[in-house]
Every structure is written in C-alpha cells, then in structure tokens.
Amino acid sequence: DGSDVVRKVARKILAELGFKLSDASTGREALALC
C-alpha cells in the first residue's frame, strides 16, 4: 500500500493476530520481497 499510515495501522492489527508481516509502498518493492 502506498500509504505509510495504512501500512502502519494494518501491521499493528495483523501483528496482534499473530502474522509474520512485511510491507511495501510500491509494487516493485513488494515483488522484490515476494
């Protein structure tokens, strides 16, 4: 997601659910992580 705020909020909630998280602000960055 291009929004820092959206990624931060989602990370906080999803970490509490027990996920191992990664995030990216662009598709290119996300693909490299994948």
ModelCIF file with pLDDT and N, C-alpha, C, O atoms, coordinates in Angstrom:
data_MODEL
#
_entry.id   MODEL 
#
_entity.id                         1 
_entity.type                       polymer 
_entity.pdbx_number_of_molecules   1 
#
_entity_poly.entity_id                      1 
_entity_poly.type                           'polypeptide(L)' 
_entity_poly.nstd_linkage                   no 
_entity_poly.nstd_monomer                   no 
_entity_poly.pdbx_seq_one_letter_code       DGSDVVRKVARKILAELGFKLSDASTGREALALC 
_entity_poly.pdbx_seq_one_letter_code_can   DGSDVVRKVARKILAELGFKLSDASTGREALALC 
_entity_poly.pdbx_strand_id                 A 
#
loop_
_entity_poly_seq.entity_id 
_entity_poly_seq.num 
_entity_poly_seq.mon_id 
_entity_poly_seq.hetero 
1 1  ASP n 
1 2  GLY n 
1 3  SER n 
1 4  ASP n 
1 5  VAL n 
1 6  VAL n 
1 7  ARG n 
1 8  LYS n 
1 9  VAL n 
1 10 ALA n 
1 11 ARG n 
1 12 LYS n 
1 13 ILE n 
1 14 LEU n 
1 15 ALA n 
1 16 GLU n 
1 17 LEU n 
1 18 GLY n 
1 19 PHE n 
1 20 LYS n 
1 21 LEU n 
1 22 SER n 
1 23 ASP n 
1 24 ALA n 
1 25 SER n 
1 26 THR n 
1 27 GLY n 
1 28 ARG n 
1 29 GLU n 
1 30 ALA n 
1 31 LEU n 
1 32 ALA n 
1 33 LEU n 
1 34 CYS n 
#
_struct_asym.id          A 
_struct_asym.entity_id   1 
#
loop_
_ma_qa_metric.id 
_ma_qa_metric.mode 
_ma_qa_metric.name 
_ma_qa_metric.software_group_id 
_ma_qa_metric.type 
1 global pLDDT . pLDDT 
2 local  pLDDT . pLDDT 
#
_ma_qa_metric_global.metric_id      1 
_ma_qa_metric_global.metric_value   95.41 
_ma_qa_metric_global.model_id       1 
_ma_qa_metric_global.ordinal_id     1 
#
loop_
_ma_qa_metric_local.label_asym_id 
_ma_qa_metric_local.label_comp_id 
_ma_qa_metric_local.label_seq_id 
_ma_qa_metric_local.metric_id 
_ma_qa_metric_local.metric_value 
_ma_qa_metric_local.model_id 
_ma_qa_metric_local.ordinal_id 
A ASP 1  2 97.00 1 1  
A GLY 2  2 95.00 1 2  
A SER 3  2 94.00 1 3  
A ASP 4  2 95.00 1 4  
A VAL 5  2 94.00 1 5  
A VAL 6  2 93.00 1 6  
A ARG 7  2 95.00 1 7  
A LYS 8  2 95.00 1 8  
A VAL 9  2 94.00 1 9  
A ALA 10 2 95.00 1 10 
A ARG 11 2 95.00 1 11 
A LYS 12 2 95.00 1 12 
A ILE 13 2 95.00 1 13 
A LEU 14 2 95.00 1 14 
A ALA 15 2 94.00 1 15 
A GLU 16 2 93.00 1 16 
A LEU 17 2 93.00 1 17 
A GLY 18 2 92.00 1 18 
A PHE 19 2 95.00 1 19 
A LYS 20 2 95.00 1 20 
A LEU 21 2 96.00 1 21 
A SER 22 2 97.00 1 22 
A ASP 23 2 96.00 1 23 
A ALA 24 2 97.00 1 24 
A SER 25 2 97.00 1 25 
A THR 26 2 96.00 1 26 
A GLY 27 2 96.00 1 27 
A ARG 28 2 96.00 1 28 
A GLU 29 2 97.00 1 29 
A ALA 30 2 98.00 1 30 
A LEU 31 2 98.00 1 31 
A ALA 32 2 97.00 1 32 
A LEU 33 2 97.00 1 33 
A CYS 34 2 97.00 1 34 
#
loop_
_atom_site.group_PDB 
_atom_site.id 
_atom_site.type_symbol 
_atom_site.label_atom_id 
_atom_site.label_alt_id 
_atom_site.label_comp_id 
_atom_site.label_asym_id 
_atom_site.label_entity_id 
_atom_site.label_seq_id 
_atom_site.pdbx_PDB_ins_code 
_atom_site.Cartn_x 
_atom_site.Cartn_y 
_atom_site.Cartn_z 
_atom_site.occupancy 
_atom_site.B_iso_or_equiv 
_atom_site.pdbx_formal_charge 
_atom_site.auth_seq_id 
_atom_site.auth_comp_id 
_atom_site.auth_asym_id 
_atom_site.auth_atom_id 
_atom_site.pdbx_PDB_model_num 
ATOM 1   N N  . ASP A 1 1  ? 0.856  -1.185  0.000  1.00 97.00 ? 1  ASP A N  1 
ATOM 2   C CA . ASP A 1 1  ? 0.000  0.000   0.000  1.00 97.00 ? 1  ASP A CA 1 
ATOM 3   C C  . ASP A 1 1  ? 0.892  1.235   0.000  1.00 97.00 ? 1  ASP A C  1 
ATOM 4   O O  . ASP A 1 1  ? 1.887  1.285   0.723  1.00 97.00 ? 1  ASP A O  1 
ATOM 5   N N  . GLY A 1 2  ? 0.544  2.223   -0.801 1.00 95.00 ? 2  GLY A N  1 
ATOM 6   C CA . GLY A 1 2  ? 1.342  3.435   -0.888 1.00 95.00 ? 2  GLY A CA 1 
ATOM 7   C C  . GLY A 1 2  ? 1.266  4.335   0.330  1.00 95.00 ? 2  GLY A C  1 
ATOM 8   O O  . GLY A 1 2  ? 2.082  5.246   0.467  1.00 95.00 ? 2  GLY A O  1 
ATOM 9   N N  . SER A 1 3  ? 0.314  4.108   1.213  1.00 94.00 ? 3  SER A N  1 
ATOM 10  C CA . SER A 1 3  ? 0.143  4.956   2.390  1.00 94.00 ? 3  SER A CA 1 
ATOM 11  C C  . SER A 1 3  ? 0.896  4.399   3.597  1.00 94.00 ? 3  SER A C  1 
ATOM 12  O O  . SER A 1 3  ? 0.659  3.271   4.030  1.00 94.00 ? 3  SER A O  1 
ATOM 13  N N  . ASP A 1 4  ? 1.808  5.212   4.130  1.00 95.00 ? 4  ASP A N  1 
ATOM 14  C CA . ASP A 1 4  ? 2.542  4.813   5.336  1.00 95.00 ? 4  ASP A CA 1 
ATOM 15  C C  . ASP A 1 4  ? 1.590  4.563   6.496  1.00 95.00 ? 4  ASP A C  1 
ATOM 16  O O  . ASP A 1 4  ? 1.781  3.620   7.265  1.00 95.00 ? 4  ASP A O  1 
ATOM 17  N N  . VAL A 1 5  ? 0.563  5.403   6.629  1.00 94.00 ? 5  VAL A N  1 
ATOM 18  C CA . VAL A 1 5  ? -0.391 5.289   7.733  1.00 94.00 ? 5  VAL A CA 1 
ATOM 19  C C  . VAL A 1 5  ? -1.183 3.984   7.631  1.00 94.00 ? 5  VAL A C  1 
ATOM 20  O O  . VAL A 1 5  ? -1.345 3.277   8.626  1.00 94.00 ? 5  VAL A O  1 
ATOM 21  N N  . VAL A 1 6  ? -1.671 3.667   6.445  1.00 93.00 ? 6  VAL A N  1 
ATOM 22  C CA . VAL A 1 6  ? -2.432 2.425   6.256  1.00 93.00 ? 6  VAL A CA 1 
ATOM 23  C C  . VAL A 1 6  ? -1.571 1.220   6.589  1.00 93.00 ? 6  VAL A C  1 
ATOM 24  O O  . VAL A 1 6  ? -2.020 0.305   7.279  1.00 93.00 ? 6  VAL A O  1 
ATOM 25  N N  . ARG A 1 7  ? -0.326 1.214   6.100  1.00 95.00 ? 7  ARG A N  1 
ATOM 26  C CA . ARG A 1 7  ? 0.565  0.076   6.388  1.00 95.00 ? 7  ARG A CA 1 
ATOM 27  C C  . ARG A 1 7  ? 0.839  -0.042  7.881  1.00 95.00 ? 7  ARG A C  1 
ATOM 28  O O  . ARG A 1 7  ? 0.846  -1.148  8.422  1.00 95.00 ? 7  ARG A O  1 
ATOM 29  N N  . LYS A 1 8  ? 1.064  1.086   8.553  1.00 95.00 ? 8  LYS A N  1 
ATOM 30  C CA . LYS A 1 8  ? 1.356  1.066   9.987  1.00 95.00 ? 8  LYS A CA 1 
ATOM 31  C C  . LYS A 1 8  ? 0.174  0.534   10.791 1.00 95.00 ? 8  LYS A C  1 
ATOM 32  O O  . LYS A 1 8  ? 0.350  -0.313  11.667 1.00 95.00 ? 8  LYS A O  1 
ATOM 33  N N  . VAL A 1 9  ? -1.030 1.024   10.500 1.00 94.00 ? 9  VAL A N  1 
ATOM 34  C CA . VAL A 1 9  ? -2.226 0.581   11.218 1.00 94.00 ? 9  VAL A CA 1 
ATOM 35  C C  . VAL A 1 9  ? -2.485 -0.906  10.948 1.00 94.00 ? 9  VAL A C  1 
ATOM 36  O O  . VAL A 1 9  ? -2.750 -1.670  11.876 1.00 94.00 ? 9  VAL A O  1 
ATOM 37  N N  . ALA A 1 10 ? -2.408 -1.307  9.691  1.00 95.00 ? 10 ALA A N  1 
ATOM 38  C CA . ALA A 1 10 ? -2.643 -2.714  9.344  1.00 95.00 ? 10 ALA A CA 1 
ATOM 39  C C  . ALA A 1 10 ? -1.610 -3.618  10.008 1.00 95.00 ? 10 ALA A C  1 
ATOM 40  O O  . ALA A 1 10 ? -1.954 -4.682  10.522 1.00 95.00 ? 10 ALA A O  1 
ATOM 41  N N  . ARG A 1 11 ? -0.347 -3.199  10.000 1.00 95.00 ? 11 ARG A N  1 
ATOM 42  C CA . ARG A 1 11 ? 0.709  -4.004  10.647 1.00 95.00 ? 11 ARG A CA 1 
ATOM 43  C C  . ARG A 1 11 ? 0.406  -4.215  12.128 1.00 95.00 ? 11 ARG A C  1 
ATOM 44  O O  . ARG A 1 11 ? 0.541  -5.325  12.641 1.00 95.00 ? 11 ARG A O  1 
ATOM 45  N N  . LYS A 1 12 ? -0.002 -3.151  12.808 1.00 95.00 ? 12 LYS A N  1 
ATOM 46  C CA . LYS A 1 12 ? -0.281 -3.247  14.244 1.00 95.00 ? 12 LYS A CA 1 
ATOM 47  C C  . LYS A 1 12 ? -1.399 -4.257  14.506 1.00 95.00 ? 12 LYS A C  1 
ATOM 48  O O  . LYS A 1 12 ? -1.262 -5.134  15.359 1.00 95.00 ? 12 LYS A O  1 
ATOM 49  N N  . ILE A 1 13 ? -2.492 -4.130  13.777 1.00 95.00 ? 13 ILE A N  1 
ATOM 50  C CA . ILE A 1 13 ? -3.637 -5.023  13.980 1.00 95.00 ? 13 ILE A CA 1 
ATOM 51  C C  . ILE A 1 13 ? -3.291 -6.459  13.609 1.00 95.00 ? 13 ILE A C  1 
ATOM 52  O O  . ILE A 1 13 ? -3.588 -7.384  14.365 1.00 95.00 ? 13 ILE A O  1 
ATOM 53  N N  . LEU A 1 14 ? -2.667 -6.651  12.457 1.00 95.00 ? 14 LEU A N  1 
ATOM 54  C CA . LEU A 1 14 ? -2.374 -8.010  11.977 1.00 95.00 ? 14 LEU A CA 1 
ATOM 55  C C  . LEU A 1 14 ? -1.284 -8.686  12.800 1.00 95.00 ? 14 LEU A C  1 
ATOM 56  O O  . LEU A 1 14 ? -1.287 -9.910  12.933 1.00 95.00 ? 14 LEU A O  1 
ATOM 57  N N  . ALA A 1 15 ? -0.351 -7.910  13.353 1.00 94.00 ? 15 ALA A N  1 
ATOM 58  C CA . ALA A 1 15 ? 0.669  -8.493  14.241 1.00 94.00 ? 15 ALA A CA 1 
ATOM 59  C C  . ALA A 1 15 ? 0.006  -9.048  15.498 1.00 94.00 ? 15 ALA A C  1 
ATOM 60  O O  . ALA A 1 15 ? 0.394  -10.102 16.000 1.00 94.00 ? 15 ALA A O  1 
ATOM 61  N N  . GLU A 1 16 ? -0.995 -8.332  16.000 1.00 93.00 ? 16 GLU A N  1 
ATOM 62  C CA . GLU A 1 16 ? -1.721 -8.803  17.181 1.00 93.00 ? 16 GLU A CA 1 
ATOM 63  C C  . GLU A 1 16 ? -2.468 -10.105 16.893 1.00 93.00 ? 16 GLU A C  1 
ATOM 64  O O  . GLU A 1 16 ? -2.732 -10.888 17.806 1.00 93.00 ? 16 GLU A O  1 
ATOM 65  N N  . LEU A 1 17 ? -2.808 -10.334 15.626 1.00 93.00 ? 17 LEU A N  1 
ATOM 66  C CA . LEU A 1 17 ? -3.487 -11.578 15.245 1.00 93.00 ? 17 LEU A CA 1 
ATOM 67  C C  . LEU A 1 17 ? -2.513 -12.737 15.082 1.00 93.00 ? 17 LEU A C  1 
ATOM 68  O O  . LEU A 1 17 ? -2.931 -13.890 14.974 1.00 93.00 ? 17 LEU A O  1 
ATOM 69  N N  . GLY A 1 18 ? -1.211 -12.438 15.063 1.00 92.00 ? 18 GLY A N  1 
ATOM 70  C CA . GLY A 1 18 ? -0.214 -13.497 15.023 1.00 92.00 ? 18 GLY A CA 1 
ATOM 71  C C  . GLY A 1 18 ? 0.473  -13.711 13.688 1.00 92.00 ? 18 GLY A C  1 
ATOM 72  O O  . GLY A 1 18 ? 1.110  -14.746 13.493 1.00 92.00 ? 18 GLY A O  1 
ATOM 73  N N  . PHE A 1 19 ? 0.367  -12.773 12.769 1.00 95.00 ? 19 PHE A N  1 
ATOM 74  C CA . PHE A 1 19 ? 1.033  -12.911 11.477 1.00 95.00 ? 19 PHE A CA 1 
ATOM 75  C C  . PHE A 1 19 ? 2.484  -12.462 11.542 1.00 95.00 ? 19 PHE A C  1 
ATOM 76  O O  . PHE A 1 19 ? 2.843  -11.588 12.331 1.00 95.00 ? 19 PHE A O  1 
ATOM 77  N N  . LYS A 1 20 ? 3.308  -13.067 10.707 1.00 95.00 ? 20 LYS A N  1 
ATOM 78  C CA . LYS A 1 20 ? 4.647  -12.568 10.426 1.00 95.00 ? 20 LYS A CA 1 
ATOM 79  C C  . LYS A 1 20 ? 4.456  -11.606 9.250  1.00 95.00 ? 20 LYS A C  1 
ATOM 80  O O  . LYS A 1 20 ? 4.018  -12.020 8.176  1.00 95.00 ? 20 LYS A O  1 
ATOM 81  N N  . LEU A 1 21 ? 4.780  -10.333 9.447  1.00 96.00 ? 21 LEU A N  1 
ATOM 82  C CA . LEU A 1 21 ? 4.411  -9.301  8.483  1.00 96.00 ? 21 LEU A CA 1 
ATOM 83  C C  . LEU A 1 21 ? 5.583  -8.722  7.721  1.00 96.00 ? 21 LEU A C  1 
ATOM 84  O O  . LEU A 1 21 ? 6.709  -8.649  8.214  1.00 96.00 ? 21 LEU A O  1 
ATOM 85  N N  . SER A 1 22 ? 5.277  -8.312  6.500  1.00 97.00 ? 22 SER A N  1 
ATOM 86  C CA . SER A 1 22 ? 6.172  -7.493  5.703  1.00 97.00 ? 22 SER A CA 1 
ATOM 87  C C  . SER A 1 22 ? 5.292  -6.469  5.006  1.00 97.00 ? 22 SER A C  1 
ATOM 88  O O  . SER A 1 22 ? 4.085  -6.666  4.863  1.00 97.00 ? 22 SER A O  1 
ATOM 89  N N  . ASP A 1 23 ? 5.909  -5.373  4.573  1.00 96.00 ? 23 ASP A N  1 
ATOM 90  C CA . ASP A 1 23 ? 5.115  -4.391  3.852  1.00 96.00 ? 23 ASP A CA 1 
ATOM 91  C C  . ASP A 1 23 ? 5.967  -3.698  2.810  1.00 96.00 ? 23 ASP A C  1 
ATOM 92  O O  . ASP A 1 23 ? 7.196  -3.694  2.879  1.00 96.00 ? 23 ASP A O  1 
ATOM 93  N N  . ALA A 1 24 ? 5.277  -3.110  1.837  1.00 97.00 ? 24 ALA A N  1 
ATOM 94  C CA . ALA A 1 24 ? 5.941  -2.417  0.749  1.00 97.00 ? 24 ALA A CA 1 
ATOM 95  C C  . ALA A 1 24 ? 5.074  -1.243  0.314  1.00 97.00 ? 24 ALA A C  1 
ATOM 96  O O  . ALA A 1 24 ? 3.847  -1.300  0.389  1.00 97.00 ? 24 ALA A O  1 
ATOM 97  N N  . SER A 1 25 ? 5.728  -0.180  -0.142 1.00 97.00 ? 25 SER A N  1 
ATOM 98  C CA . SER A 1 25 ? 4.989  1.006   -0.567 1.00 97.00 ? 25 SER A CA 1 
ATOM 99  C C  . SER A 1 25 ? 4.762  1.042   -2.074 1.00 97.00 ? 25 SER A C  1 
ATOM 100 O O  . SER A 1 25 ? 3.994  1.869   -2.566 1.00 97.00 ? 25 SER A O  1 
ATOM 101 N N  . THR A 1 26 ? 5.429  0.144   -2.814 1.00 96.00 ? 26 THR A N  1 
ATOM 102 C CA . THR A 1 26 ? 5.249  0.069   -4.267 1.00 96.00 ? 26 THR A CA 1 
ATOM 103 C C  . THR A 1 26 ? 5.139  -1.387  -4.691 1.00 96.00 ? 26 THR A C  1 
ATOM 104 O O  . THR A 1 26 ? 5.544  -2.294  -3.964 1.00 96.00 ? 26 THR A O  1 
ATOM 105 N N  . GLY A 1 27 ? 4.595  -1.589  -5.856 1.00 96.00 ? 27 GLY A N  1 
ATOM 106 C CA . GLY A 1 27 ? 4.513  -2.942  -6.395 1.00 96.00 ? 27 GLY A CA 1 
ATOM 107 C C  . GLY A 1 27 ? 5.888  -3.530  -6.647 1.00 96.00 ? 27 GLY A C  1 
ATOM 108 O O  . GLY A 1 27 ? 6.110  -4.719  -6.417 1.00 96.00 ? 27 GLY A O  1 
ATOM 109 N N  . ARG A 1 28 ? 6.806  -2.713  -7.114 1.00 96.00 ? 28 ARG A N  1 
ATOM 110 C CA . ARG A 1 28 ? 8.174  -3.195  -7.389 1.00 96.00 ? 28 ARG A CA 1 
ATOM 111 C C  . ARG A 1 28 ? 8.843  -3.682  -6.101 1.00 96.00 ? 28 ARG A C  1 
ATOM 112 O O  . ARG A 1 28 ? 9.478  -4.736  -6.079 1.00 96.00 ? 28 ARG A O  1 
ATOM 113 N N  . GLU A 1 29 ? 8.691  -2.905  -5.041 1.00 97.00 ? 29 GLU A N  1 
ATOM 114 C CA . GLU A 1 29 ? 9.256  -3.288  -3.742 1.00 97.00 ? 29 GLU A CA 1 
ATOM 115 C C  . GLU A 1 29 ? 8.596  -4.576  -3.236 1.00 97.00 ? 29 GLU A C  1 
ATOM 116 O O  . GLU A 1 29 ? 9.276  -5.464  -2.723 1.00 97.00 ? 29 GLU A O  1 
ATOM 117 N N  . ALA A 1 30 ? 7.278  -4.673  -3.380 1.00 98.00 ? 30 ALA A N  1 
ATOM 118 C CA . ALA A 1 30 ? 6.549  -5.865  -2.935 1.00 98.00 ? 30 ALA A CA 1 
ATOM 119 C C  . ALA A 1 30 ? 6.995  -7.098  -3.715 1.00 98.00 ? 30 ALA A C  1 
ATOM 120 O O  . ALA A 1 30 ? 7.181  -8.167  -3.132 1.00 98.00 ? 30 ALA A O  1 
ATOM 121 N N  . LEU A 1 31 ? 7.167  -6.959  -5.020 1.00 98.00 ? 31 LEU A N  1 
ATOM 122 C CA . LEU A 1 31 ? 7.591  -8.098  -5.840 1.00 98.00 ? 31 LEU A CA 1 
ATOM 123 C C  . LEU A 1 31 ? 8.987  -8.570  -5.439 1.00 98.00 ? 31 LEU A C  1 
ATOM 124 O O  . LEU A 1 31 ? 9.243  -9.773  -5.371 1.00 98.00 ? 31 LEU A O  1 
ATOM 125 N N  . ALA A 1 32 ? 9.882  -7.631  -5.177 1.00 97.00 ? 32 ALA A N  1 
ATOM 126 C CA . ALA A 1 32 ? 11.230 -7.994  -4.737 1.00 97.00 ? 32 ALA A CA 1 
ATOM 127 C C  . ALA A 1 32 ? 11.172 -8.789  -3.434 1.00 97.00 ? 32 ALA A C  1 
ATOM 128 O O  . ALA A 1 32 ? 11.892 -9.775  -3.279 1.00 97.00 ? 32 ALA A O  1 
ATOM 129 N N  . LEU A 1 33 ? 10.325 -8.369  -2.502 1.00 97.00 ? 33 LEU A N  1 
ATOM 130 C CA . LEU A 1 33 ? 10.161 -9.109  -1.242 1.00 97.00 ? 33 LEU A CA 1 
ATOM 131 C C  . LEU A 1 33 ? 9.573  -10.491 -1.502 1.00 97.00 ? 33 LEU A C  1 
ATOM 132 O O  . LEU A 1 33 ? 9.997  -11.468 -0.885 1.00 97.00 ? 33 LEU A O  1 
ATOM 133 N N  . CYS A 1 34 ? 8.611  -10.583 -2.399 1.00 97.00 ? 34 CYS A N  1 
ATOM 134 C CA . CYS A 1 34 ? 7.986  -11.870 -2.725 1.00 97.00 ? 34 CYS A CA 1 
ATOM 135 C C  . CYS A 1 34 ? 8.979  -12.827 -3.367 1.00 97.00 ? 34 CYS A C  1 
ATOM 136 O O  . CYS A 1 34 ? 8.619  -13.955 -3.704 1.00 97.00 ? 34 CYS A O  1 
#
